[in-house]
């Protein structure tokens, strides 16, 4: 069970990293919709990374 939880945290972190990467790759060219999409992807990426770090820390605390 512990291994599955660690995989879930890893996938959340990887997905968050990819969302941040995608937001930096997209060029807005002055489009409001693309600016909104970049902001949304950046927010999702940051929130996902923070949550994954908190959950990972919680798992490490429980395992000791």
N, C-alpha and C. Protein backbone atom coordinates (compact mmCIF):
# COMPACT_ATOMS: atom_id res chain seq x y z
N UNK A 1 0.82 -1.20 0.00
CA UNK A 1 0.00 0.00 0.00
C UNK A 1 0.87 1.26 0.00
N UNK A 2 1.96 1.22 0.74
CA UNK A 2 2.84 2.39 0.84
C UNK A 2 3.43 2.74 -0.52
N UNK A 3 3.77 1.71 -1.30
CA UNK A 3 4.37 1.92 -2.61
C UNK A 3 3.39 2.61 -3.56
N UNK A 4 2.13 2.24 -3.48
CA UNK A 4 1.10 2.85 -4.34
C UNK A 4 0.92 4.33 -3.98
N UNK A 5 0.95 4.64 -2.69
CA UNK A 5 0.81 6.03 -2.25
C UNK A 5 1.98 6.88 -2.74
N UNK A 6 3.18 6.32 -2.69
CA UNK A 6 4.35 7.06 -3.16
C UNK A 6 4.26 7.28 -4.67
N UNK A 7 3.74 6.29 -5.40
CA UNK A 7 3.57 6.45 -6.85
C UNK A 7 2.56 7.54 -7.15
N UNK A 8 1.49 7.61 -6.37
CA UNK A 8 0.48 8.66 -6.57
C UNK A 8 1.07 10.04 -6.34
N UNK A 9 1.89 10.18 -5.32
CA UNK A 9 2.52 11.47 -5.03
C UNK A 9 3.48 11.83 -6.15
N UNK A 10 4.22 10.83 -6.64
CA UNK A 10 5.15 11.07 -7.75
C UNK A 10 4.43 11.49 -9.01
N UNK A 11 3.30 10.88 -9.30
CA UNK A 11 2.53 11.24 -10.49
C UNK A 11 1.93 12.64 -10.35
N UNK A 12 1.48 13.00 -9.16
CA UNK A 12 0.97 14.34 -8.93
C UNK A 12 2.07 15.38 -9.15
N UNK A 13 3.27 15.09 -8.63
CA UNK A 13 4.38 16.01 -8.81
C UNK A 13 4.76 16.13 -10.28
N UNK A 14 4.81 14.99 -10.98
CA UNK A 14 5.18 15.00 -12.40
C UNK A 14 4.13 15.76 -13.22
N UNK A 15 2.86 15.56 -12.94
CA UNK A 15 1.81 16.27 -13.65
C UNK A 15 1.86 17.77 -13.39
N UNK A 16 2.17 18.14 -12.17
CA UNK A 16 2.29 19.55 -11.82
C UNK A 16 3.47 20.19 -12.55
N UNK A 17 4.58 19.45 -12.61
CA UNK A 17 5.76 19.94 -13.31
C UNK A 17 5.46 20.12 -14.80
N UNK A 18 4.74 19.18 -15.38
CA UNK A 18 4.39 19.29 -16.80
C UNK A 18 3.44 20.45 -17.06
N UNK A 19 2.51 20.72 -16.13
CA UNK A 19 1.61 21.86 -16.29
C UNK A 19 2.40 23.17 -16.25
N UNK A 20 3.37 23.26 -15.33
CA UNK A 20 4.20 24.46 -15.27
C UNK A 20 5.04 24.61 -16.55
N UNK A 21 5.58 23.50 -17.03
CA UNK A 21 6.39 23.53 -18.24
C UNK A 21 5.54 23.97 -19.44
N UNK A 22 4.34 23.43 -19.55
CA UNK A 22 3.46 23.80 -20.66
C UNK A 22 3.09 25.28 -20.60
N UNK A 23 2.89 25.80 -19.41
CA UNK A 23 2.52 27.22 -19.29
C UNK A 23 3.67 28.13 -19.72
N UNK A 24 4.89 27.68 -19.55
CA UNK A 24 6.05 28.48 -19.95
C UNK A 24 6.34 28.35 -21.44
N UNK A 25 5.96 27.24 -22.06
CA UNK A 25 6.23 27.02 -23.48
C UNK A 25 5.26 27.79 -24.37
N UNK A 26 4.00 27.88 -23.94
CA UNK A 26 2.97 28.53 -24.75
C UNK A 26 3.27 30.03 -24.89
N UNK A 27 3.20 30.54 -26.11
CA UNK A 27 3.37 31.98 -26.35
C UNK A 27 2.00 32.62 -26.46
N UNK A 28 1.79 33.74 -25.75
CA UNK A 28 0.46 34.33 -25.71
C UNK A 28 0.15 35.20 -26.93
N UNK A 29 1.12 35.94 -27.43
CA UNK A 29 0.92 36.85 -28.56
C UNK A 29 -0.24 37.82 -28.33
N UNK A 30 -0.47 38.19 -27.08
CA UNK A 30 -1.50 39.18 -26.76
C UNK A 30 -2.91 38.63 -26.65
N UNK A 31 -3.10 37.32 -26.74
CA UNK A 31 -4.43 36.73 -26.65
C UNK A 31 -4.84 36.59 -25.19
N UNK A 32 -6.04 37.07 -24.88
CA UNK A 32 -6.54 36.97 -23.51
C UNK A 32 -6.80 35.53 -23.10
N UNK A 33 -7.30 34.72 -24.03
CA UNK A 33 -7.60 33.33 -23.73
C UNK A 33 -6.31 32.56 -23.41
N UNK A 34 -5.28 32.78 -24.17
CA UNK A 34 -4.02 32.08 -23.92
C UNK A 34 -3.37 32.60 -22.64
N UNK A 35 -3.49 33.90 -22.36
CA UNK A 35 -2.99 34.43 -21.09
C UNK A 35 -3.71 33.77 -19.91
N UNK A 36 -5.02 33.61 -20.04
CA UNK A 36 -5.80 32.94 -19.00
C UNK A 36 -5.36 31.49 -18.85
N UNK A 37 -5.14 30.80 -19.96
CA UNK A 37 -4.71 29.41 -19.93
C UNK A 37 -3.34 29.27 -19.27
N UNK A 38 -2.44 30.20 -19.59
CA UNK A 38 -1.13 30.17 -18.95
C UNK A 38 -1.25 30.35 -17.44
N UNK A 39 -2.07 31.28 -17.02
CA UNK A 39 -2.27 31.51 -15.59
C UNK A 39 -2.90 30.31 -14.90
N UNK A 40 -3.85 29.69 -15.56
CA UNK A 40 -4.51 28.51 -15.01
C UNK A 40 -3.51 27.36 -14.87
N UNK A 41 -2.73 27.11 -15.91
CA UNK A 41 -1.73 26.04 -15.85
C UNK A 41 -0.67 26.32 -14.78
N UNK A 42 -0.26 27.57 -14.66
CA UNK A 42 0.72 27.93 -13.64
C UNK A 42 0.15 27.71 -12.24
N UNK A 43 -1.08 28.13 -12.02
CA UNK A 43 -1.71 27.94 -10.72
C UNK A 43 -1.89 26.48 -10.37
N UNK A 44 -2.33 25.68 -11.35
CA UNK A 44 -2.49 24.24 -11.12
C UNK A 44 -1.14 23.60 -10.81
N UNK A 45 -0.12 24.02 -11.55
CA UNK A 45 1.21 23.45 -11.33
C UNK A 45 1.75 23.76 -9.96
N UNK A 46 1.63 25.01 -9.54
CA UNK A 46 2.14 25.41 -8.22
C UNK A 46 1.35 24.72 -7.12
N UNK A 47 0.04 24.72 -7.22
CA UNK A 47 -0.79 24.08 -6.20
C UNK A 47 -0.51 22.58 -6.11
N UNK A 48 -0.37 21.94 -7.26
CA UNK A 48 -0.08 20.51 -7.27
C UNK A 48 1.26 20.18 -6.64
N UNK A 49 2.26 21.01 -6.90
CA UNK A 49 3.57 20.77 -6.30
C UNK A 49 3.54 20.96 -4.79
N UNK A 50 2.85 21.98 -4.33
CA UNK A 50 2.75 22.22 -2.89
C UNK A 50 2.02 21.06 -2.21
N UNK A 51 0.92 20.61 -2.80
CA UNK A 51 0.16 19.50 -2.23
C UNK A 51 1.00 18.22 -2.23
N UNK A 52 1.71 17.96 -3.33
CA UNK A 52 2.50 16.73 -3.38
C UNK A 52 3.63 16.76 -2.35
N UNK A 53 4.25 17.91 -2.12
CA UNK A 53 5.28 18.00 -1.10
C UNK A 53 4.71 17.82 0.31
N UNK A 54 3.54 18.39 0.56
CA UNK A 54 2.90 18.21 1.87
C UNK A 54 2.52 16.75 2.11
N UNK A 55 1.95 16.11 1.11
CA UNK A 55 1.55 14.71 1.25
C UNK A 55 2.77 13.81 1.40
N UNK A 56 3.82 14.08 0.65
CA UNK A 56 5.04 13.30 0.77
C UNK A 56 5.63 13.42 2.17
N UNK A 57 5.66 14.63 2.72
CA UNK A 57 6.14 14.83 4.07
C UNK A 57 5.29 14.11 5.10
N UNK A 58 3.99 14.08 4.88
CA UNK A 58 3.09 13.36 5.79
C UNK A 58 3.36 11.87 5.75
N UNK A 59 3.58 11.30 4.55
CA UNK A 59 3.89 9.88 4.43
C UNK A 59 5.21 9.55 5.11
N UNK A 60 6.19 10.43 4.96
CA UNK A 60 7.49 10.18 5.59
C UNK A 60 7.37 10.25 7.12
N UNK A 61 6.54 11.14 7.62
CA UNK A 61 6.35 11.27 9.05
C UNK A 61 5.65 10.04 9.61
N UNK A 62 4.67 9.50 8.87
CA UNK A 62 3.94 8.32 9.32
C UNK A 62 4.80 7.07 9.29
N UNK A 63 5.75 7.00 8.37
CA UNK A 63 6.55 5.79 8.22
C UNK A 63 7.60 5.66 9.33
N UNK A 64 7.86 6.75 10.04
CA UNK A 64 8.87 6.68 11.12
C UNK A 64 8.28 6.33 12.43
